[in-house]
Amino acid sequence: MSMETLEFVIHPDGRVQEKVTGIIGNSCTEVTAKIESQLGQVVSQETTSEYFAQNTLDSTTTTTQSHVTSW
């Protein structure tokens, strides 16, 4: 399990750059929504490979079907 981190860079002109690591899937948007609403208007957003990754514990669905034959 990786460590979840939020990193903020505050630029001299007032822009805030936020970087989220260690959160698999789109739940990072839920984690940061309240913070972003307090910071102001989001002007751009870039997703990482972690955003598109699937959590193997939550996203695995297995379907099995058995065929019974009589001899």
N, C-alpha and C. Protein backbone atom coordinates (compact mmCIF):
# COMPACT_ATOMS: atom_id res chain seq x y z
N MET A 1 0.85 -1.18 0.00
CA MET A 1 0.00 0.00 0.00
C MET A 1 0.89 1.24 0.00
N SER A 2 0.61 2.18 -0.90
CA SER A 2 1.42 3.39 -0.98
C SER A 2 0.86 4.47 -0.07
N MET A 3 1.73 5.43 0.24
CA MET A 3 1.32 6.53 1.11
C MET A 3 0.58 7.58 0.28
N GLU A 4 -0.53 8.04 0.79
CA GLU A 4 -1.32 9.08 0.13
C GLU A 4 -0.78 10.44 0.54
N THR A 5 -0.50 11.29 -0.46
CA THR A 5 0.03 12.61 -0.15
C THR A 5 -0.67 13.68 -0.98
N LEU A 6 -0.80 14.85 -0.39
CA LEU A 6 -1.27 16.06 -1.08
C LEU A 6 -0.14 17.07 -0.96
N GLU A 7 0.28 17.60 -2.09
CA GLU A 7 1.36 18.59 -2.11
C GLU A 7 0.83 19.88 -2.70
N PHE A 8 1.09 21.00 -2.05
CA PHE A 8 0.63 22.30 -2.53
C PHE A 8 1.82 23.22 -2.74
N VAL A 9 1.85 23.87 -3.90
CA VAL A 9 2.85 24.88 -4.20
C VAL A 9 2.11 26.19 -4.38
N ILE A 10 2.44 27.18 -3.58
CA ILE A 10 1.80 28.50 -3.66
C ILE A 10 2.77 29.43 -4.39
N HIS A 11 2.36 29.89 -5.56
CA HIS A 11 3.18 30.76 -6.39
C HIS A 11 3.04 32.21 -5.94
N PRO A 12 4.04 33.05 -6.23
CA PRO A 12 3.99 34.46 -5.82
C PRO A 12 2.76 35.22 -6.33
N ASP A 13 2.22 34.80 -7.48
CA ASP A 13 1.05 35.50 -8.03
C ASP A 13 -0.26 35.00 -7.43
N GLY A 14 -0.20 34.07 -6.46
CA GLY A 14 -1.40 33.60 -5.78
C GLY A 14 -1.95 32.28 -6.29
N ARG A 15 -1.42 31.80 -7.41
CA ARG A 15 -1.86 30.49 -7.92
C ARG A 15 -1.40 29.40 -6.96
N VAL A 16 -2.23 28.38 -6.83
CA VAL A 16 -1.90 27.24 -6.00
C VAL A 16 -1.89 26.00 -6.88
N GLN A 17 -0.78 25.31 -6.87
CA GLN A 17 -0.66 24.06 -7.63
C GLN A 17 -0.77 22.91 -6.63
N GLU A 18 -1.63 21.98 -6.95
CA GLU A 18 -1.90 20.85 -6.06
C GLU A 18 -1.50 19.56 -6.77
N LYS A 19 -0.81 18.67 -6.06
CA LYS A 19 -0.43 17.38 -6.62
C LYS A 19 -0.84 16.29 -5.64
N VAL A 20 -1.60 15.31 -6.14
CA VAL A 20 -2.09 14.21 -5.32
C VAL A 20 -1.39 12.94 -5.79
N THR A 21 -0.81 12.19 -4.85
CA THR A 21 -0.19 10.92 -5.19
C THR A 21 -0.63 9.86 -4.19
N GLY A 22 -0.61 8.62 -4.66
CA GLY A 22 -0.92 7.50 -3.78
C GLY A 22 -2.39 7.15 -3.66
N ILE A 23 -3.25 7.85 -4.39
CA ILE A 23 -4.68 7.55 -4.36
C ILE A 23 -5.04 6.96 -5.72
N ILE A 24 -5.53 5.74 -5.71
CA ILE A 24 -5.85 5.03 -6.95
C ILE A 24 -7.28 5.34 -7.37
N GLY A 25 -7.46 5.63 -8.66
CA GLY A 25 -8.79 5.89 -9.20
C GLY A 25 -9.19 7.35 -9.04
N ASN A 26 -10.44 7.62 -9.29
CA ASN A 26 -10.92 9.01 -9.28
C ASN A 26 -11.33 9.50 -7.89
N SER A 27 -11.10 8.73 -6.85
CA SER A 27 -11.46 9.18 -5.50
C SER A 27 -10.61 10.37 -5.06
N CYS A 28 -9.52 10.65 -5.76
CA CYS A 28 -8.72 11.83 -5.41
C CYS A 28 -9.54 13.11 -5.56
N THR A 29 -10.48 13.12 -6.49
CA THR A 29 -11.32 14.32 -6.65
C THR A 29 -12.22 14.52 -5.44
N GLU A 30 -12.66 13.44 -4.83
CA GLU A 30 -13.47 13.55 -3.61
C GLU A 30 -12.63 14.05 -2.45
N VAL A 31 -11.39 13.59 -2.39
CA VAL A 31 -10.49 13.99 -1.30
C VAL A 31 -10.17 15.48 -1.37
N THR A 32 -10.01 16.01 -2.56
CA THR A 32 -9.57 17.39 -2.72
C THR A 32 -10.69 18.41 -2.94
N ALA A 33 -11.90 17.96 -3.13
CA ALA A 33 -13.01 18.87 -3.48
C ALA A 33 -13.20 19.98 -2.45
N LYS A 34 -13.22 19.67 -1.18
CA LYS A 34 -13.46 20.68 -0.16
C LYS A 34 -12.32 21.69 -0.09
N ILE A 35 -11.09 21.18 -0.21
CA ILE A 35 -9.92 22.08 -0.20
C ILE A 35 -9.98 23.03 -1.39
N GLU A 36 -10.27 22.48 -2.57
CA GLU A 36 -10.33 23.30 -3.78
C GLU A 36 -11.43 24.35 -3.71
N SER A 37 -12.55 24.02 -3.09
CA SER A 37 -13.63 25.00 -2.98
C SER A 37 -13.22 26.17 -2.09
N GLN A 38 -12.36 25.92 -1.15
CA GLN A 38 -11.88 27.00 -0.27
C GLN A 38 -10.76 27.83 -0.92
N LEU A 39 -10.02 27.21 -1.82
CA LEU A 39 -8.90 27.90 -2.47
C LEU A 39 -9.36 28.85 -3.56
N GLY A 40 -10.44 28.52 -4.23
CA GLY A 40 -10.91 29.36 -5.32
C GLY A 40 -11.21 28.56 -6.56
N GLN A 41 -11.20 29.22 -7.70
CA GLN A 41 -11.58 28.61 -8.97
C GLN A 41 -10.45 27.72 -9.50
N VAL A 42 -10.80 26.50 -9.89
CA VAL A 42 -9.85 25.59 -10.52
C VAL A 42 -9.75 25.99 -11.98
N VAL A 43 -8.54 26.31 -12.45
CA VAL A 43 -8.37 26.76 -13.83
C VAL A 43 -7.85 25.66 -14.74
N SER A 44 -7.22 24.65 -14.19
CA SER A 44 -6.80 23.52 -15.01
C SER A 44 -6.60 22.30 -14.12
N GLN A 45 -6.69 21.14 -14.76
CA GLN A 45 -6.54 19.90 -14.03
C GLN A 45 -5.91 18.87 -14.97
N GLU A 46 -4.89 18.18 -14.49
CA GLU A 46 -4.24 17.13 -15.26
C GLU A 46 -4.35 15.83 -14.48
N THR A 47 -4.75 14.78 -15.14
CA THR A 47 -4.85 13.49 -14.47
C THR A 47 -3.56 12.69 -14.67
N THR A 48 -3.27 11.83 -13.71
CA THR A 48 -2.08 10.99 -13.77
C THR A 48 -2.49 9.56 -14.07
N SER A 49 -1.52 8.70 -14.23
CA SER A 49 -1.82 7.29 -14.49
C SER A 49 -2.54 6.66 -13.30
N GLU A 50 -2.30 7.17 -12.08
CA GLU A 50 -3.00 6.65 -10.90
C GLU A 50 -4.50 6.90 -10.99
N TYR A 51 -4.89 8.00 -11.61
CA TYR A 51 -6.31 8.32 -11.77
C TYR A 51 -7.02 7.25 -12.59
N PHE A 52 -6.33 6.77 -13.61
CA PHE A 52 -6.93 5.79 -14.51
C PHE A 52 -6.74 4.35 -14.05
N ALA A 53 -5.91 4.14 -13.03
CA ALA A 53 -5.69 2.79 -12.50
C ALA A 53 -6.92 2.33 -11.75
N GLN A 54 -7.08 1.04 -11.67
CA GLN A 54 -8.21 0.47 -10.95
C GLN A 54 -7.72 -0.13 -9.65
N ASN A 55 -8.50 0.05 -8.63
CA ASN A 55 -8.20 -0.56 -7.35
C ASN A 55 -8.57 -2.03 -7.45
N THR A 56 -7.60 -2.91 -7.36
CA THR A 56 -7.85 -4.32 -7.60
C THR A 56 -8.75 -4.94 -6.55
N LEU A 57 -8.83 -4.36 -5.39
CA LEU A 57 -9.70 -4.89 -4.35
C LEU A 57 -11.17 -4.57 -4.62
N ASP A 58 -11.44 -3.42 -5.23
CA ASP A 58 -12.81 -2.97 -5.43
C ASP A 58 -13.35 -3.23 -6.84
N SER A 59 -12.48 -3.42 -7.80
CA SER A 59 -12.96 -3.42 -9.17
C SER A 59 -12.96 -4.80 -9.83
N THR A 60 -12.62 -5.83 -9.12
CA THR A 60 -12.57 -7.14 -9.73
C THR A 60 -13.91 -7.85 -9.60
N THR A 61 -14.46 -8.22 -10.73
CA THR A 61 -15.71 -8.98 -10.76
C THR A 61 -15.44 -10.25 -11.53
N THR A 62 -15.79 -11.36 -10.95
CA THR A 62 -15.58 -12.64 -11.61
C THR A 62 -16.91 -13.30 -11.86
N THR A 63 -17.12 -13.71 -13.08
CA THR A 63 -18.34 -14.42 -13.44
C THR A 63 -17.94 -15.81 -13.92
N THR A 64 -18.55 -16.81 -13.36
CA THR A 64 -18.26 -18.18 -13.79
C THR A 64 -19.53 -18.83 -14.28
N GLN A 65 -19.35 -19.71 -15.22
CA GLN A 65 -20.49 -20.46 -15.76
C GLN A 65 -19.99 -21.89 -15.96
N SER A 66 -20.75 -22.83 -15.47
CA SER A 66 -20.34 -24.23 -15.65
C SER A 66 -21.32 -24.96 -16.55
N HIS A 67 -20.79 -25.83 -17.35
CA HIS A 67 -21.61 -26.65 -18.24
C HIS A 67 -21.56 -28.07 -17.71
N VAL A 68 -22.72 -28.66 -17.53
CA VAL A 68 -22.81 -30.03 -17.06
C VAL A 68 -23.23 -30.89 -18.24
N THR A 69 -22.44 -31.88 -18.51
CA THR A 69 -22.80 -32.79 -19.60
C THR A 69 -23.04 -34.19 -19.01
N SER A 70 -23.99 -34.86 -19.55
CA SER A 70 -24.30 -36.23 -19.12
C SER A 70 -23.70 -37.20 -20.12
N TRP A 71 -23.19 -38.28 -19.61
CA TRP A 71 -22.63 -39.32 -20.50
C TRP A 71 -23.58 -40.38 -20.68
